[in-house]
């Protein structure tokens, strides 16, 4: 059973996952498994069942696009790419994140 601190961490992670996805794709295009690996490496635990709805929502908002590429190891892979609109959204999220960090820092003084 999750304790209170774990639940808070989980809720905070969920709140920033879309931001994290844009951060990853701003560096380079990637397919879902790579996005999950990067999130896990950053201790942002996520499973495919959580990731795919976020990718679909971001695609429908025009923040991402994708292309299919043949794979030597199995079926073709869907590579996600950030769009210009996505980069603009990421910039706004960067600013909002910094404002939040600054506000919390002031509250802790």
PDB file of N, CA and C in Angstrom:
ATOM      1  N   UNK A   1       0.833  -1.193   0.000  1.00  0.00           N
ATOM      2  CA  UNK A   1       0.000   0.000   0.000  1.00  0.00           C
ATOM      3  C   UNK A   1       0.874   1.252   0.000  1.00  0.00           C
ATOM      4  N   UNK A   2       0.488   2.234  -0.809  1.00  0.00           N
ATOM      5  CA  UNK A   2       1.268   3.463  -0.918  1.00  0.00           C
ATOM      6  C   UNK A   2       1.107   4.317   0.331  1.00  0.00           C
ATOM      7  N   UNK A   3       2.229   4.872   0.794  1.00  0.00           N
ATOM      8  CA  UNK A   3       2.097   5.786   1.916  1.00  0.00           C
ATOM      9  C   UNK A   3       1.816   7.192   1.386  1.00  0.00           C
ATOM     10  N   UNK A   4       1.559   8.099   2.277  1.00  0.00           N
ATOM     11  CA  UNK A   4       1.160   9.454   1.899  1.00  0.00           C
ATOM     12  C   UNK A   4       2.228  10.163   1.053  1.00  0.00           C
ATOM     13  N   UNK A   5       3.486  10.027   1.443  1.00  0.00           N
ATOM     14  CA  UNK A   5       4.571  10.671   0.687  1.00  0.00           C
ATOM     15  C   UNK A   5       4.677  10.111  -0.726  1.00  0.00           C
ATOM     16  N   UNK A   6       4.520   8.788  -0.858  1.00  0.00           N
ATOM     17  CA  UNK A   6       4.560   8.169  -2.189  1.00  0.00           C
ATOM     18  C   UNK A   6       3.400   8.667  -3.047  1.00  0.00           C
ATOM     19  N   UNK A   7       2.235   8.816  -2.447  1.00  0.00           N
ATOM     20  CA  UNK A   7       1.067   9.296  -3.174  1.00  0.00           C
ATOM     21  C   UNK A   7       1.298  10.730  -3.657  1.00  0.00           C
ATOM     22  N   UNK A   8       1.872  11.562  -2.821  1.00  0.00           N
ATOM     23  CA  UNK A   8       2.167  12.945  -3.209  1.00  0.00           C
ATOM     24  C   UNK A   8       3.153  12.956  -4.369  1.00  0.00           C
ATOM     25  N   UNK A   9       4.203  12.160  -4.277  1.00  0.00           N
ATOM     26  CA  UNK A   9       5.187  12.085  -5.371  1.00  0.00           C
ATOM     27  C   UNK A   9       4.523  11.646  -6.670  1.00  0.00           C
ATOM     28  N   UNK A  10       3.667  10.635  -6.573  1.00  0.00           N
ATOM     29  CA  UNK A  10       2.975  10.113  -7.746  1.00  0.00           C
ATOM     30  C   UNK A  10       2.107  11.199  -8.384  1.00  0.00           C
ATOM     31  N   UNK A  11       1.364  11.924  -7.596  1.00  0.00           N
ATOM     32  CA  UNK A  11       0.502  12.988  -8.122  1.00  0.00           C
ATOM     33  C   UNK A  11       1.322  14.113  -8.745  1.00  0.00           C
ATOM     34  N   UNK A  12       2.442  14.449  -8.130  1.00  0.00           N
ATOM     35  CA  UNK A  12       3.300  15.505  -8.688  1.00  0.00           C
ATOM     36  C   UNK A  12       3.890  15.065 -10.030  1.00  0.00           C
ATOM     37  N   UNK A  13       4.311  13.804 -10.107  1.00  0.00           N
ATOM     38  CA  UNK A  13       4.851  13.285 -11.368  1.00  0.00           C
ATOM     39  C   UNK A  13       3.811  13.352 -12.473  1.00  0.00           C
ATOM     40  N   UNK A  14       2.604  12.906 -12.166  1.00  0.00           N
ATOM     41  CA  UNK A  14       1.532  12.928 -13.169  1.00  0.00           C
ATOM     42  C   UNK A  14       1.311  14.340 -13.685  1.00  0.00           C
ATOM     43  N   UNK A  15       1.448  15.320 -12.796  1.00  0.00           N
ATOM     44  CA  UNK A  15       1.216  16.704 -13.174  1.00  0.00           C
ATOM     45  C   UNK A  15       2.249  17.276 -14.125  1.00  0.00           C
ATOM     46  N   UNK A  16       3.420  16.684 -14.187  1.00  0.00           N
ATOM     47  CA  UNK A  16       4.479  17.236 -15.044  1.00  0.00           C
ATOM     48  C   UNK A  16       4.884  16.308 -16.191  1.00  0.00           C
ATOM     49  N   UNK A  17       4.189  15.197 -16.364  1.00  0.00           N
ATOM     50  CA  UNK A  17       4.589  14.245 -17.406  1.00  0.00           C
ATOM     51  C   UNK A  17       4.526  14.843 -18.812  1.00  0.00           C
ATOM     52  N   UNK A  18       3.497  15.628 -19.105  1.00  0.00           N
ATOM     53  CA  UNK A  18       3.407  16.219 -20.441  1.00  0.00           C
ATOM     54  C   UNK A  18       4.578  17.168 -20.686  1.00  0.00           C
ATOM     55  N   UNK A  19       4.961  17.895 -19.659  1.00  0.00           N
ATOM     56  CA  UNK A  19       6.127  18.781 -19.731  1.00  0.00           C
ATOM     57  C   UNK A  19       7.390  17.954 -19.993  1.00  0.00           C
ATOM     58  N   UNK A  20       7.532  16.848 -19.268  1.00  0.00           N
ATOM     59  CA  UNK A  20       8.700  15.984 -19.423  1.00  0.00           C
ATOM     60  C   UNK A  20       8.791  15.400 -20.836  1.00  0.00           C
ATOM     61  N   UNK A  21       7.647  14.993 -21.392  1.00  0.00           N
ATOM     62  CA  UNK A  21       7.634  14.441 -22.750  1.00  0.00           C
ATOM     63  C   UNK A  21       8.140  15.479 -23.744  1.00  0.00           C
ATOM     64  N   UNK A  22       7.664  16.716 -23.621  1.00  0.00           N
ATOM     65  CA  UNK A  22       8.131  17.767 -24.532  1.00  0.00           C
ATOM     66  C   UNK A  22       9.626  18.027 -24.343  1.00  0.00           C
ATOM     67  N   UNK A  23      10.105  17.988 -23.104  1.00  0.00           N
ATOM     68  CA  UNK A  23      11.543  18.168 -22.843  1.00  0.00           C
ATOM     69  C   UNK A  23      12.367  17.109 -23.577  1.00  0.00           C
ATOM     70  N   UNK A  24      11.924  15.869 -23.497  1.00  0.00           N
ATOM     71  CA  UNK A  24      12.641  14.767 -24.151  1.00  0.00           C
ATOM     72  C   UNK A  24      12.639  14.951 -25.664  1.00  0.00           C
ATOM     73  N   UNK A  25      11.466  15.257 -26.223  1.00  0.00           N
ATOM     74  CA  UNK A  25      11.353  15.364 -27.679  1.00  0.00           C
ATOM     75  C   UNK A  25      11.969  16.646 -28.230  1.00  0.00           C
ATOM     76  N   UNK A  26      12.218  17.618 -27.381  1.00  0.00           N
ATOM     77  CA  UNK A  26      12.912  18.829 -27.835  1.00  0.00           C
ATOM     78  C   UNK A  26      14.373  18.518 -28.138  1.00  0.00           C
ATOM     79  N   UNK A  27      14.914  17.477 -27.482  1.00  0.00           N
ATOM     80  CA  UNK A  27      16.310  17.079 -27.725  1.00  0.00           C
ATOM     81  C   UNK A  27      16.447  16.276 -29.006  1.00  0.00           C
ATOM     82  N   UNK A  28      15.474  15.362 -29.228  1.00  0.00           N
ATOM     83  CA  UNK A  28      15.506  14.528 -30.435  1.00  0.00           C
ATOM     84  C   UNK A  28      14.204  13.758 -30.540  1.00  0.00           C
ATOM     85  N   UNK A  29      13.879  13.311 -31.756  1.00  0.00           N
ATOM     86  CA  UNK A  29      12.683  12.495 -31.914  1.00  0.00           C
ATOM     87  C   UNK A  29      12.933  11.130 -31.275  1.00  0.00           C
ATOM     88  N   UNK A  30      11.850  10.489 -30.860  1.00  0.00           N
ATOM     89  CA  UNK A  30      12.004   9.213 -30.163  1.00  0.00           C
ATOM     90  C   UNK A  30      10.713   8.411 -30.265  1.00  0.00           C
ATOM     91  N   UNK A  31      10.838   7.094 -30.135  1.00  0.00           N
ATOM     92  CA  UNK A  31       9.649   6.251 -30.085  1.00  0.00           C
ATOM     93  C   UNK A  31       9.320   5.981 -28.621  1.00  0.00           C
ATOM     94  N   UNK A  32       8.126   5.452 -28.377  1.00  0.00           N
ATOM     95  CA  UNK A  32       7.589   5.361 -27.019  1.00  0.00           C
ATOM     96  C   UNK A  32       8.521   4.663 -26.034  1.00  0.00           C
ATOM     97  N   UNK A  33       9.138   3.567 -26.429  1.00  0.00           N
ATOM     98  CA  UNK A  33      10.012   2.830 -25.499  1.00  0.00           C
ATOM     99  C   UNK A  33      11.191   3.684 -25.036  1.00  0.00           C
ATOM    100  N   UNK A  34      11.727   4.501 -25.931  1.00  0.00           N
ATOM    101  CA  UNK A  34      12.851   5.379 -25.572  1.00  0.00           C
ATOM    102  C   UNK A  34      12.367   6.469 -24.613  1.00  0.00           C
ATOM    103  N   UNK A  35      11.178   7.009 -24.875  1.00  0.00           N
ATOM    104  CA  UNK A  35      10.620   8.030 -23.983  1.00  0.00           C
ATOM    105  C   UNK A  35      10.443   7.445 -22.586  1.00  0.00           C
ATOM    106  N   UNK A  36       9.905   6.231 -22.509  1.00  0.00           N
ATOM    107  CA  UNK A  36       9.719   5.570 -21.210  1.00  0.00           C
ATOM    108  C   UNK A  36      11.064   5.352 -20.518  1.00  0.00           C
ATOM    109  N   UNK A  37      12.079   4.900 -21.259  1.00  0.00           N
ATOM    110  CA  UNK A  37      13.413   4.686 -20.670  1.00  0.00           C
ATOM    111  C   UNK A  37      13.969   5.979 -20.094  1.00  0.00           C
ATOM    112  N   UNK A  38      13.828   7.087 -20.840  1.00  0.00           N
ATOM    113  CA  UNK A  38      14.346   8.376 -20.351  1.00  0.00           C
ATOM    114  C   UNK A  38      13.595   8.831 -19.105  1.00  0.00           C
ATOM    115  N   UNK A  39      12.278   8.648 -19.099  1.00  0.00           N
ATOM    116  CA  UNK A  39      11.494   9.019 -17.925  1.00  0.00           C
ATOM    117  C   UNK A  39      11.901   8.176 -16.720  1.00  0.00           C
ATOM    118  N   UNK A  40      12.074   6.879 -16.929  1.00  0.00           N
ATOM    119  CA  UNK A  40      12.488   6.000 -15.827  1.00  0.00           C
ATOM    120  C   UNK A  40      13.886   6.367 -15.324  1.00  0.00           C
ATOM    121  N   UNK A  41      14.780   6.709 -16.246  1.00  0.00           N
ATOM    122  CA  UNK A  41      16.144   7.097 -15.848  1.00  0.00           C
ATOM    123  C   UNK A  41      16.133   8.354 -14.973  1.00  0.00           C
ATOM    124  N   UNK A  42      15.117   9.181 -15.158  1.00  0.00           N
ATOM    125  CA  UNK A  42      14.984  10.408 -14.365  1.00  0.00           C
ATOM    126  C   UNK A  42      14.076  10.197 -13.149  1.00  0.00           C
ATOM    127  N   UNK A  43      13.793   8.928 -12.835  1.00  0.00           N
ATOM    128  CA  UNK A  43      12.903   8.570 -11.721  1.00  0.00           C
ATOM    129  C   UNK A  43      11.484   9.084 -11.899  1.00  0.00           C
ATOM    130  N   UNK A  44      11.078   9.275 -13.143  1.00  0.00           N
ATOM    131  CA  UNK A  44       9.696   9.651 -13.462  1.00  0.00           C
ATOM    132  C   UNK A  44       9.010   8.383 -13.961  1.00  0.00           C
ATOM    133  N   UNK A  45       8.739   7.472 -13.043  1.00  0.00           N
ATOM    134  CA  UNK A  45       8.220   6.159 -13.400  1.00  0.00           C
ATOM    135  C   UNK A  45       6.910   6.306 -14.179  1.00  0.00           C
ATOM    136  N   UNK A  46       6.857   5.653 -15.321  1.00  0.00           N
ATOM    137  CA  UNK A  46       5.659   5.696 -16.149  1.00  0.00           C
ATOM    138  C   UNK A  46       5.567   4.397 -16.933  1.00  0.00           C
ATOM    139  N   UNK A  47       4.356   3.982 -17.231  1.00  0.00           N
ATOM    140  CA  UNK A  47       4.131   2.771 -18.017  1.00  0.00           C
ATOM    141  C   UNK A  47       3.472   3.170 -19.335  1.00  0.00           C
ATOM    142  N   UNK A  48       3.495   2.242 -20.287  1.00  0.00           N
ATOM    143  CA  UNK A  48       2.926   2.543 -21.604  1.00  0.00           C
ATOM    144  C   UNK A  48       1.476   2.981 -21.515  1.00  0.00           C
ATOM    145  N   UNK A  49       0.714   2.373 -20.620  1.00  0.00           N
ATOM    146  CA  UNK A  49      -0.690   2.726 -20.467  1.00  0.00           C
ATOM    147  C   UNK A  49      -0.905   4.161 -20.030  1.00  0.00           C
ATOM    148  N   UNK A  50       0.097   4.754 -19.409  1.00  0.00           N
ATOM    149  CA  UNK A  50       0.050   6.170 -19.025  1.00  0.00           C
ATOM    150  C   UNK A  50       0.577   7.042 -20.150  1.00  0.00           C
ATOM    151  N   UNK A  51       1.625   6.584 -20.815  1.00  0.00           N
ATOM    152  CA  UNK A  51       2.293   7.401 -21.827  1.00  0.00           C
ATOM    153  C   UNK A  51       1.446   7.610 -23.081  1.00  0.00           C
ATOM    154  N   UNK A  52       0.877   6.536 -23.619  1.00  0.00           N
ATOM    155  CA  UNK A  52       0.184   6.653 -24.910  1.00  0.00           C
ATOM    156  C   UNK A  52      -0.968   7.667 -24.912  1.00  0.00           C
ATOM    157  N   UNK A  53      -1.826   7.696 -23.880  1.00  0.00           N
ATOM    158  CA  UNK A  53      -2.873   8.726 -23.895  1.00  0.00           C
ATOM    159  C   UNK A  53      -2.305  10.151 -23.891  1.00  0.00           C
ATOM    160  N   UNK A  54      -1.184  10.345 -23.195  1.00  0.00           N
ATOM    161  CA  UNK A  54      -0.551  11.676 -23.185  1.00  0.00           C
ATOM    162  C   UNK A  54      -0.008  12.026 -24.569  1.00  0.00           C
ATOM    163  N   UNK A  55       0.634  11.064 -25.230  1.00  0.00           N
ATOM    164  CA  UNK A  55       1.156  11.301 -26.577  1.00  0.00           C
ATOM    165  C   UNK A  55       0.021  11.624 -27.551  1.00  0.00           C
ATOM    166  N   UNK A  56      -1.081  10.891 -27.439  1.00  0.00           N
ATOM    167  CA  UNK A  56      -2.229  11.138 -28.313  1.00  0.00           C
ATOM    168  C   UNK A  56      -2.798  12.529 -28.064  1.00  0.00           C
ATOM    169  N   UNK A  57      -2.945  12.899 -26.791  1.00  0.00           N
ATOM    170  CA  UNK A  57      -3.473  14.225 -26.467  1.00  0.00           C
ATOM    171  C   UNK A  57      -2.561  15.320 -27.009  1.00  0.00           C
ATOM    172  N   UNK A  58      -1.252  15.161 -26.816  1.00  0.00           N
ATOM    173  CA  UNK A  58      -0.315  16.173 -27.304  1.00  0.00           C
ATOM    174  C   UNK A  58      -0.315  16.235 -28.833  1.00  0.00           C
ATOM    175  N   UNK A  59      -0.473  15.100 -29.493  1.00  0.00           N
ATOM    176  CA  UNK A  59      -0.558  15.088 -30.952  1.00  0.00           C
ATOM    177  C   UNK A  59      -1.816  15.818 -31.405  1.00  0.00           C
ATOM    178  N   UNK A  60      -2.944  15.520 -30.747  1.00  0.00           N
ATOM    179  CA  UNK A  60      -4.205  16.165 -31.108  1.00  0.00           C
ATOM    180  C   UNK A  60      -4.185  17.673 -30.853  1.00  0.00           C
ATOM    181  N   UNK A  61      -3.351  18.112 -29.919  1.00  0.00           N
ATOM    182  CA  UNK A  61      -3.210  19.545 -29.636  1.00  0.00           C
ATOM    183  C   UNK A  61      -2.221  20.211 -30.590  1.00  0.00           C
ATOM    184  N   UNK A  62      -1.591  19.410 -31.449  1.00  0.00           N
ATOM    185  CA  UNK A  62      -0.635  19.960 -32.407  1.00  0.00           C
ATOM    186  C   UNK A  62       0.755  20.178 -31.834  1.00  0.00           C
ATOM    187  N   UNK A  63       1.022  19.605 -30.650  1.00  0.00           N
ATOM    188  CA  UNK A  63       2.322  19.782 -30.002  1.00  0.00           C
ATOM    189  C   UNK A  63       3.344  18.774 -30.510  1.00  0.00           C
ATOM    190  N   UNK A  64       2.847  17.644 -31.003  1.00  0.00           N
ATOM    191  CA  UNK A  64       3.694  16.569 -31.511  1.00  0.00           C
ATOM    192  C   UNK A  64       3.187  16.118 -32.868  1.00  0.00           C
ATOM    193  N   UNK A  65       4.078  15.502 -33.597  1.00  0.00           N
ATOM    194  CA  UNK A  65       3.707  14.776 -34.800  1.00  0.00           C
ATOM    195  C   UNK A  65       4.478  13.466 -34.743  1.00  0.00           C
ATOM    196  N   UNK A  66       4.257  12.599 -35.684  1.00  0.00           N
ATOM    197  CA  UNK A  66       5.012  11.349 -35.691  1.00  0.00           C
ATOM    198  C   UNK A  66       5.215  10.871 -37.116  1.00  0.00           C
ATOM    199  N   UNK A  67       6.166   9.961 -37.240  1.00  0.00           N
ATOM    200  CA  UNK A  67       6.434   9.315 -38.528  1.00  0.00           C
ATOM    201  C   UNK A  67       6.733   7.848 -38.234  1.00  0.00           C
ATOM    202  N   UNK A  68       6.463   7.004 -39.202  1.00  0.00           N
ATOM    203  CA  UNK A  68       6.752   5.578 -39.078  1.00  0.00           C
ATOM    204  C   UNK A  68       8.114   5.282 -39.689  1.00  0.00           C
ATOM    205  N   UNK A  69       8.869   4.411 -39.034  1.00  0.00           N
ATOM    206  CA  UNK A  69      10.155   3.983 -39.567  1.00  0.00           C
ATOM    207  C   UNK A  69      10.259   2.473 -39.427  1.00  0.00           C
ATOM    208  N   UNK A  70      10.708   1.828 -40.488  1.00  0.00           N
ATOM    209  CA  UNK A  70      10.914   0.381 -40.438  1.00  0.00           C
ATOM    210  C   UNK A  70      11.974   0.056 -39.392  1.00  0.00           C
ATOM    211  N   UNK A  71      11.815  -1.074 -38.748  1.00  0.00           N
ATOM    212  CA  UNK A  71      12.753  -1.511 -37.725  1.00  0.00           C
ATOM    213  C   UNK A  71      13.365  -2.845 -38.137  1.00  0.00           C
ATOM    214  N   UNK A  72      14.646  -3.019 -37.836  1.00  0.00           N
ATOM    215  CA  UNK A  72      15.292  -4.306 -38.095  1.00  0.00           C
ATOM    216  C   UNK A  72      14.909  -5.322 -37.021  1.00  0.00           C
ATOM    217  N   UNK A  73      14.338  -4.833 -35.918  1.00  0.00           N
ATOM    218  CA  UNK A  73      13.968  -5.706 -34.795  1.00  0.00           C
ATOM    219  C   UNK A  73      12.468  -5.648 -34.552  1.00  0.00           C
ATOM    220  N   UNK A  74      11.678  -6.170 -35.476  1.00  0.00           N
ATOM    221  CA  UNK A  74      10.236  -6.219 -35.266  1.00  0.00           C
ATOM    222  C   UNK A  74       9.468  -5.274 -36.166  1.00  0.00           C
ATOM    223  N   UNK A  75       8.281  -4.894 -35.709  1.00  0.00           N
ATOM    224  CA  UNK A  75       7.403  -4.056 -36.546  1.00  0.00           C
ATOM    225  C   UNK A  75       7.934  -2.628 -36.681  1.00  0.00           C
ATOM    226  N   UNK A  76       7.360  -1.853 -37.614  1.00  0.00           N
ATOM    227  CA  UNK A  76       7.779  -0.453 -37.761  1.00  0.00           C
ATOM    228  C   UNK A  76       7.568   0.304 -36.441  1.00  0.00           C
ATOM    229  N   UNK A  77       8.377   1.339 -36.243  1.00  0.00           N
ATOM    230  CA  UNK A  77       8.282   2.140 -35.015  1.00  0.00           C
ATOM    231  C   UNK A  77       7.714   3.512 -35.333  1.00  0.00           C
ATOM    232  N   UNK A  78       6.909   4.008 -34.400  1.00  0.00           N
ATOM    233  CA  UNK A  78       6.343   5.342 -34.522  1.00  0.00           C
ATOM    234  C   UNK A  78       7.261   6.306 -33.767  1.00  0.00           C
ATOM    235  N   UNK A  79       7.941   7.174 -34.517  1.00  0.00           N
ATOM    236  CA  UNK A  79       8.824   8.166 -33.921  1.00  0.00           C
ATOM    237  C   UNK A  79       8.069   9.468 -33.725  1.00  0.00           C
ATOM    238  N   UNK A  80       8.063   9.959 -32.486  1.00  0.00           N
ATOM    239  CA  UNK A  80       7.389  11.213 -32.158  1.00  0.00           C
ATOM    240  C   UNK A  80       8.371  12.370 -32.278  1.00  0.00           C
ATOM    241  N   UNK A  81       7.864  13.505 -32.788  1.00  0.00           N
ATOM    242  CA  UNK A  81       8.674  14.709 -32.985  1.00  0.00           C
ATOM    243  C   UNK A  81       7.903  15.902 -32.432  1.00  0.00           C
ATOM    244  N   UNK A  82       8.604  16.829 -31.824  1.00  0.00           N
ATOM    245  CA  UNK A  82       7.969  18.046 -31.332  1.00  0.00           C
ATOM    246  C   UNK A  82       7.740  18.990 -32.511  1.00  0.00           C
ATOM    247  N   UNK A  83       6.634  19.711 -32.494  1.00  0.00           N
ATOM    248  CA  UNK A  83       6.315  20.681 -33.546  1.00  0.00           C
ATOM    249  C   UNK A  83       6.722  22.084 -33.092  1.00  0.00           C
ATOM    250  N   UNK A  84       6.607  23.056 -33.981  1.00  0.00           N
ATOM    251  CA  UNK A  84       6.878  24.443 -33.587  1.00  0.00           C
ATOM    252  C   UNK A  84       5.920  24.872 -32.474  1.00  0.00           C
ATOM    253  N   UNK A  85       4.665  24.464 -32.591  1.00  0.00           N
ATOM    254  CA  UNK A  85       3.687  24.767 -31.544  1.00  0.00           C
ATOM    255  C   UNK A  85       4.107  24.106 -30.226  1.00  0.00           C
ATOM    256  N   UNK A  86       4.635  22.886 -30.321  1.00  0.00           N
ATOM    257  CA  UNK A  86       5.118  22.188 -29.135  1.00  0.00           C
ATOM    258  C   UNK A  86       6.304  22.899 -28.500  1.00  0.00           C
ATOM    259  N   UNK A  87       7.203  23.423 -29.325  1.00  0.00           N
ATOM    260  CA  UNK A  87       8.354  24.175 -28.792  1.00  0.00           C
ATOM    261  C   UNK A  87       7.885  25.457 -28.095  1.00  0.00           C
ATOM    262  N   UNK A  88       6.885  26.093 -28.665  1.00  0.00           N
ATOM    263  CA  UNK A  88       6.327  27.287 -28.047  1.00  0.00           C
ATOM    264  C   UNK A  88       5.680  26.939 -26.701  1.00  0.00           C
ATOM    265  N   UNK A  89       4.938  25.837 -26.683  1.00  0.00           N
ATOM    266  CA  UNK A  89       4.312  25.371 -25.443  1.00  0.00           C
ATOM    267  C   UNK A  89       5.379  25.013 -24.409  1.00  0.00           C
ATOM    268  N   UNK A  90       6.445  24.369 -24.846  1.00  0.00           N
ATOM    269  CA  UNK A  90       7.539  24.004 -23.942  1.00  0.00           C
ATOM    270  C   UNK A  90       8.157  25.253 -23.327  1.00  0.00           C
ATOM    271  N   UNK A  91       8.345  26.288 -24.125  1.00  0.00           N
ATOM    272  CA  UNK A  91       8.897  27.542 -23.612  1.00  0.00           C
ATOM    273  C   UNK A  91       7.982  28.138 -22.542  1.00  0.00           C
ATOM    274  N   UNK A  92       6.673  28.100 -22.791  1.00  0.00           N
ATOM    275  CA  UNK A  92       5.708  28.596 -21.797  1.00  0.00           C
ATOM    276  C   UNK A  92       5.761  27.738 -20.529  1.00  0.00           C
ATOM    277  N   UNK A  93       5.897  26.424 -20.711  1.00  0.00           N
ATOM    278  CA  UNK A  93       5.982  25.530 -19.555  1.00  0.00           C
ATOM    279  C   UNK A  93       7.268  25.779 -18.770  1.00  0.00           C
ATOM    280  N   UNK A  94       8.375  26.038 -19.477  1.00  0.00           N
ATOM    281  CA  UNK A  94       9.639  26.370 -18.803  1.00  0.00           C
ATOM    282  C   UNK A  94       9.446  27.586 -17.896  1.00  0.00           C
ATOM    283  N   UNK A  95       8.790  28.614 -18.435  1.00  0.00           N
ATOM    284  CA  UNK A  95       8.553  29.830 -17.657  1.00  0.00           C
ATOM    285  C   UNK A  95       7.648  29.559 -16.466  1.00  0.00           C
ATOM    286  N   UNK A  96       6.564  28.802 -16.689  1.00  0.00           N
ATOM    287  CA  UNK A  96       5.631  28.488 -15.609  1.00  0.00           C
ATOM    288  C   UNK A  96       6.318  27.657 -14.524  1.00  0.00           C
ATOM    289  N   UNK A  97       7.165  26.722 -14.942  1.00  0.00           N
ATOM    290  CA  UNK A  97       7.892  25.889 -13.975  1.00  0.00           C
ATOM    291  C   UNK A  97       8.816  26.750 -13.122  1.00  0.00           C
ATOM    292  N   UNK A  98       9.541  27.658 -13.761  1.00  0.00           N
ATOM    293  CA  UNK A  98      10.464  28.512 -13.015  1.00  0.00           C
ATOM    294  C   UNK A  98       9.703  29.412 -12.046  1.00  0.00           C
ATOM    295  N   UNK A  99       8.560  29.931 -12.479  1.00  0.00           N
ATOM    296  CA  UNK A  99       7.733  30.758 -11.591  1.00  0.00           C
ATOM    297  C   UNK A  99       7.293  29.948 -10.373  1.00  0.00           C
ATOM    298  N   UNK A 100       6.902  28.683 -10.588  1.00  0.00           N
ATOM    299  CA  UNK A 100       6.458  27.836  -9.489  1.00  0.00           C
ATOM    300  C   UNK A 100       7.617  27.546  -8.524  1.00  0.00           C
ATOM    301  N   UNK A 101       8.778  27.216  -9.077  1.00  0.00           N
ATOM    302  CA  UNK A 101       9.952  26.952  -8.232  1.00  0.00           C
ATOM    303  C   UNK A 101      10.297  28.191  -7.414  1.00  0.00           C
ATOM    304  N   UNK A 102      10.265  29.362  -8.043  1.00  0.00           N
ATOM    305  CA  UNK A 102      10.568  30.617  -7.338  1.00  0.00           C
ATOM    306  C   UNK A 102       9.545  30.883  -6.235  1.00  0.00           C
ATOM    307  N   UNK A 103       8.258  30.647  -6.539  1.00  0.00           N
ATOM    308  CA  UNK A 103       7.211  30.883  -5.546  1.00  0.00           C
ATOM    309  C   UNK A 103       7.384  29.966  -4.336  1.00  0.00           C
ATOM    310  N   UNK A 104       7.675  28.702  -4.590  1.00  0.00           N
ATOM    311  CA  UNK A 104       7.864  27.760  -3.483  1.00  0.00           C
ATOM    312  C   UNK A 104       9.093  28.144  -2.669  1.00  0.00           C
ATOM    313  N   UNK A 105      10.149  28.576  -3.343  1.00  0.00           N
ATOM    314  CA  UNK A 105      11.366  29.013  -2.625  1.00  0.00           C
ATOM    315  C   UNK A 105      11.048  30.178  -1.700  1.00  0.00           C
ATOM    316  N   UNK A 106      10.215  31.119  -2.153  1.00  0.00           N
ATOM    317  CA  UNK A 106       9.830  32.256  -1.309  1.00  0.00           C
ATOM    318  C   UNK A 106       9.030  31.786  -0.104  1.00  0.00           C
ATOM    319  N   UNK A 107       8.159  30.809  -0.315  1.00  0.00           N
ATOM    320  CA  UNK A 107       7.330  30.316   0.789  1.00  0.00           C
ATOM    321  C   UNK A 107       8.170  29.603   1.842  1.00  0.00           C
ATOM    322  N   UNK A 108       9.282  29.035   1.438  1.00  0.00           N
ATOM    323  CA  UNK A 108      10.106  28.260   2.378  1.00  0.00           C
ATOM    324  C   UNK A 108      11.081  29.139   3.158  1.00  0.00           C
ATOM    325  N   UNK A 109      11.201  30.405   2.794  1.00  0.00           N
ATOM    326  CA  UNK A 109      12.135  31.306   3.505  1.00  0.00           C
ATOM    327  C   UNK A 109      11.689  31.585   4.909  1.00  0.00           C
TER     328      UNK A 109
END
